[in-house]
Amino acid sequence: MAFLSWYDRYSTGNAEIDTQHRKLFELVNHFDSVIKMGMTEELGRILEDIITYSIGHFSFEEELMEMAEFPQFQSHKKIHEELIKQVQDMRARMKEGGHASSTSVARFLADWLTNHIIREDLAYKPYLKP
């Protein structure tokens, strides 16, 4: 069973955003699988993939929100920026052997992704054109 599962309640109604969200789920699940396999040397690369993909996804999402004149666009964009910084900080701490354990990073990513979609992304759903 996957660490993180996609449910229809996460759907924004925009096929491309939903596809990108599913890809983020896959990346987080891959990170968790690699932890369970004990392949710690791969974790940094996978986390970099998550960061890079998230940056591209956020850019796409922000472009749509701006075009749709979503009223909370600026605050949503700030949330994206803060997430990237948090994950980059965790990546740096993992690299340096600091306090960010791989399992705590996986749990953070899973919690953040699902909560962000439900609390933040679904708020722009009515503003997006089908």
C-alpha atoms as a PDB file:
ATOM      1  CA  MET A   1       0.000   0.000   0.000  1.00  0.00           C
ATOM      2  CA  ALA A   2       1.235   3.460  -0.878  1.00  0.00           C
ATOM      3  CA  PHE A   3       2.384   5.837   1.831  1.00  0.00           C
ATOM      4  CA  LEU A   4       0.249   8.584   0.313  1.00  0.00           C
ATOM      5  CA  SER A   5      -2.937   7.941  -1.671  1.00  0.00           C
ATOM      6  CA  TRP A   6      -4.803  10.177  -4.104  1.00  0.00           C
ATOM      7  CA  TYR A   7      -8.515  10.677  -3.508  1.00  0.00           C
ATOM      8  CA  ASP A   8     -11.077  12.477  -5.665  1.00  0.00           C
ATOM      9  CA  ARG A   9     -11.575  15.029  -2.889  1.00  0.00           C
ATOM     10  CA  TYR A  10      -8.134  16.432  -3.840  1.00  0.00           C
ATOM     11  CA  SER A  11      -9.294  17.273  -7.374  1.00  0.00           C
ATOM     12  CA  THR A  12      -9.165  20.947  -8.331  1.00  0.00           C
ATOM     13  CA  GLY A  13     -11.182  20.336 -11.483  1.00  0.00           C
ATOM     14  CA  ASN A  14      -8.195  21.350 -13.614  1.00  0.00           C
ATOM     15  CA  ALA A  15      -6.770  18.261 -15.335  1.00  0.00           C
ATOM     16  CA  GLU A  16      -3.207  19.585 -15.569  1.00  0.00           C
ATOM     17  CA  ILE A  17      -3.033  20.696 -11.941  1.00  0.00           C
ATOM     18  CA  ASP A  18      -4.502  17.383 -10.799  1.00  0.00           C
ATOM     19  CA  THR A  19      -1.940  15.507 -12.924  1.00  0.00           C
ATOM     20  CA  GLN A  20       0.845  17.570 -11.369  1.00  0.00           C
ATOM     21  CA  HIS A  21      -0.511  16.944  -7.870  1.00  0.00           C
ATOM     22  CA  ARG A  22      -0.589  13.200  -8.587  1.00  0.00           C
ATOM     23  CA  LYS A  23       3.039  13.422  -9.726  1.00  0.00           C
ATOM     24  CA  LEU A  24       3.928  15.069  -6.413  1.00  0.00           C
ATOM     25  CA  PHE A  25       2.176  12.189  -4.627  1.00  0.00           C
ATOM     26  CA  GLU A  26       4.301   9.751  -6.676  1.00  0.00           C
ATOM     27  CA  LEU A  27       7.497  11.580  -5.780  1.00  0.00           C
ATOM     28  CA  VAL A  28       6.667  11.601  -2.060  1.00  0.00           C
ATOM     29  CA  ASN A  29       5.747   7.905  -2.251  1.00  0.00           C
ATOM     30  CA  HIS A  30       9.047   7.189  -3.995  1.00  0.00           C
ATOM     31  CA  PHE A  31      10.913   9.079  -1.246  1.00  0.00           C
ATOM     32  CA  ASP A  32       9.137   6.956   1.374  1.00  0.00           C
ATOM     33  CA  SER A  33       9.844   3.715  -0.536  1.00  0.00           C
ATOM     34  CA  VAL A  34      13.536   4.516  -0.751  1.00  0.00           C
ATOM     35  CA  ILE A  35      13.596   5.144   3.014  1.00  0.00           C
ATOM     36  CA  LYS A  36      12.009   1.719   3.605  1.00  0.00           C
ATOM     37  CA  MET A  37      14.534   0.070   1.280  1.00  0.00           C
ATOM     38  CA  GLY A  38      17.373   1.680   3.218  1.00  0.00           C
ATOM     39  CA  MET A  39      18.793   3.438   0.154  1.00  0.00           C
ATOM     40  CA  THR A  40      19.701   6.608   2.019  1.00  0.00           C
ATOM     41  CA  GLU A  41      22.197   7.738  -0.636  1.00  0.00           C
ATOM     42  CA  GLU A  42      19.263   8.257  -3.026  1.00  0.00           C
ATOM     43  CA  LEU A  43      17.182  10.425  -0.677  1.00  0.00           C
ATOM     44  CA  GLY A  44      18.962  13.686  -1.426  1.00  0.00           C
ATOM     45  CA  ARG A  45      18.504  13.269  -5.168  1.00  0.00           C
ATOM     46  CA  ILE A  46      14.818  12.430  -4.784  1.00  0.00           C
ATOM     47  CA  LEU A  47      14.292  15.412  -2.498  1.00  0.00           C
ATOM     48  CA  GLU A  48      15.971  17.620  -5.104  1.00  0.00           C
ATOM     49  CA  ASP A  49      13.554  16.181  -7.685  1.00  0.00           C
ATOM     50  CA  ILE A  50      10.642  17.050  -5.384  1.00  0.00           C
ATOM     51  CA  ILE A  51      11.927  20.615  -4.956  1.00  0.00           C
ATOM     52  CA  THR A  52      12.512  21.103  -8.693  1.00  0.00           C
ATOM     53  CA  TYR A  53       9.137  19.646  -9.656  1.00  0.00           C
ATOM     54  CA  SER A  54       7.355  21.687  -6.969  1.00  0.00           C
ATOM     55  CA  ILE A  55       8.899  24.914  -8.236  1.00  0.00           C
ATOM     56  CA  GLY A  56       7.622  24.192 -11.757  1.00  0.00           C
ATOM     57  CA  HIS A  57       4.219  23.148 -10.463  1.00  0.00           C
ATOM     58  CA  PHE A  58       3.872  26.244  -8.288  1.00  0.00           C
ATOM     59  CA  SER A  59       4.807  28.463 -11.203  1.00  0.00           C
ATOM     60  CA  PHE A  60       2.127  26.846 -13.388  1.00  0.00           C
ATOM     61  CA  GLU A  61      -0.472  27.047 -10.632  1.00  0.00           C
ATOM     62  CA  GLU A  62       0.361  30.690  -9.863  1.00  0.00           C
ATOM     63  CA  GLU A  63       0.046  31.628 -13.530  1.00  0.00           C
ATOM     64  CA  LEU A  64      -3.454  30.139 -13.638  1.00  0.00           C
ATOM     65  CA  MET A  65      -4.468  31.815 -10.375  1.00  0.00           C
ATOM     66  CA  GLU A  66      -3.238  35.171 -11.618  1.00  0.00           C
ATOM     67  CA  MET A  67      -5.085  34.822 -14.940  1.00  0.00           C
ATOM     68  CA  ALA A  68      -8.233  33.806 -13.036  1.00  0.00           C
ATOM     69  CA  GLU A  69      -7.835  36.872 -10.796  1.00  0.00           C
ATOM     70  CA  PHE A  70      -7.919  34.682  -7.700  1.00  0.00           C
ATOM     71  CA  PRO A  71      -8.236  37.149  -4.764  1.00  0.00           C
ATOM     72  CA  GLN A  72      -5.809  35.264  -2.499  1.00  0.00           C
ATOM     73  CA  PHE A  73      -3.159  34.920  -5.206  1.00  0.00           C
ATOM     74  CA  GLN A  74      -0.423  36.836  -3.358  1.00  0.00           C
ATOM     75  CA  SER A  75      -0.894  35.000  -0.064  1.00  0.00           C
ATOM     76  CA  HIS A  76      -1.009  31.661  -1.892  1.00  0.00           C
ATOM     77  CA  LYS A  77       2.205  32.499  -3.721  1.00  0.00           C
ATOM     78  CA  LYS A  78       3.864  33.342  -0.398  1.00  0.00           C
ATOM     79  CA  ILE A  79       2.816  29.956   0.996  1.00  0.00           C
ATOM     80  CA  HIS A  80       4.505  28.299  -1.992  1.00  0.00           C
ATOM     81  CA  GLU A  81       7.698  30.284  -1.399  1.00  0.00           C
ATOM     82  CA  GLU A  82       7.722  29.325   2.279  1.00  0.00           C
ATOM     83  CA  LEU A  83       7.286  25.642   1.464  1.00  0.00           C
ATOM     84  CA  ILE A  84      10.199  25.612  -0.961  1.00  0.00           C
ATOM     85  CA  LYS A  85      12.370  27.302   1.659  1.00  0.00           C
ATOM     86  CA  GLN A  86      11.309  24.777   4.330  1.00  0.00           C
ATOM     87  CA  VAL A  87      12.087  21.792   2.117  1.00  0.00           C
ATOM     88  CA  GLN A  88      15.401  23.292   1.013  1.00  0.00           C
ATOM     89  CA  ASP A  89      16.298  23.822   4.682  1.00  0.00           C
ATOM     90  CA  MET A  90      15.385  20.197   5.465  1.00  0.00           C
ATOM     91  CA  ARG A  91      17.486  19.054   2.510  1.00  0.00           C
ATOM     92  CA  ALA A  92      20.452  21.056   3.803  1.00  0.00           C
ATOM     93  CA  ARG A  93      20.050  19.632   7.329  1.00  0.00           C
ATOM     94  CA  MET A  94      19.837  16.075   5.952  1.00  0.00           C
ATOM     95  CA  LYS A  95      22.948  16.694   3.870  1.00  0.00           C
ATOM     96  CA  GLU A  96      24.852  17.982   6.897  1.00  0.00           C
ATOM     97  CA  GLY A  97      23.634  15.150   9.102  1.00  0.00           C
ATOM     98  CA  GLY A  98      21.473  17.535  11.094  1.00  0.00           C
ATOM     99  CA  HIS A  99      18.178  17.014  12.856  1.00  0.00           C
ATOM    100  CA  ALA A 100      15.965  16.434   9.808  1.00  0.00           C
ATOM    101  CA  SER A 101      15.424  12.684   9.655  1.00  0.00           C
ATOM    102  CA  SER A 102      14.266  11.208   6.377  1.00  0.00           C
ATOM    103  CA  THR A 103      11.080   9.873   7.967  1.00  0.00           C
ATOM    104  CA  SER A 104      10.210  13.283   9.421  1.00  0.00           C
ATOM    105  CA  VAL A 105      10.793  14.842   5.992  1.00  0.00           C
ATOM    106  CA  ALA A 106       8.516  12.241   4.358  1.00  0.00           C
ATOM    107  CA  ARG A 107       5.788  12.860   6.947  1.00  0.00           C
ATOM    108  CA  PHE A 108       6.131  16.639   6.538  1.00  0.00           C
ATOM    109  CA  LEU A 109       5.840  16.365   2.745  1.00  0.00           C
ATOM    110  CA  ALA A 110       2.790  14.099   2.946  1.00  0.00           C
ATOM    111  CA  ASP A 111       1.016  16.251   5.516  1.00  0.00           C
ATOM    112  CA  TRP A 112       1.876  19.472   3.748  1.00  0.00           C
ATOM    113  CA  LEU A 113       0.814  18.237   0.324  1.00  0.00           C
ATOM    114  CA  THR A 114      -2.564  16.902   1.377  1.00  0.00           C
ATOM    115  CA  ASN A 115      -3.373  19.808   3.703  1.00  0.00           C
ATOM    116  CA  HIS A 116      -2.236  22.399   1.159  1.00  0.00           C
ATOM    117  CA  ILE A 117      -4.445  20.930  -1.543  1.00  0.00           C
ATOM    118  CA  ILE A 118      -7.488  20.734   0.740  1.00  0.00           C
ATOM    119  CA  ARG A 119      -7.078  24.077   2.514  1.00  0.00           C
ATOM    120  CA  GLU A 120      -5.409  26.268  -0.097  1.00  0.00           C
ATOM    121  CA  ASP A 121      -5.692  24.860  -3.616  1.00  0.00           C
ATOM    122  CA  LEU A 122      -9.370  23.973  -3.459  1.00  0.00           C
ATOM    123  CA  ALA A 123     -10.057  27.631  -2.606  1.00  0.00           C
ATOM    124  CA  TYR A 124      -9.159  28.646  -6.173  1.00  0.00           C
ATOM    125  CA  LYS A 125     -11.231  25.861  -7.757  1.00  0.00           C
ATOM    126  CA  PRO A 126     -14.297  28.091  -8.370  1.00  0.00           C
ATOM    127  CA  TYR A 127     -12.106  30.660 -10.141  1.00  0.00           C
ATOM    128  CA  LEU A 128     -10.600  28.284 -12.689  1.00  0.00           C
ATOM    129  CA  LYS A 129     -12.275  27.864 -16.012  1.00  0.00           C
ATOM    130  CA  PRO A 130     -12.965  24.210 -16.892  1.00  0.00           C
END
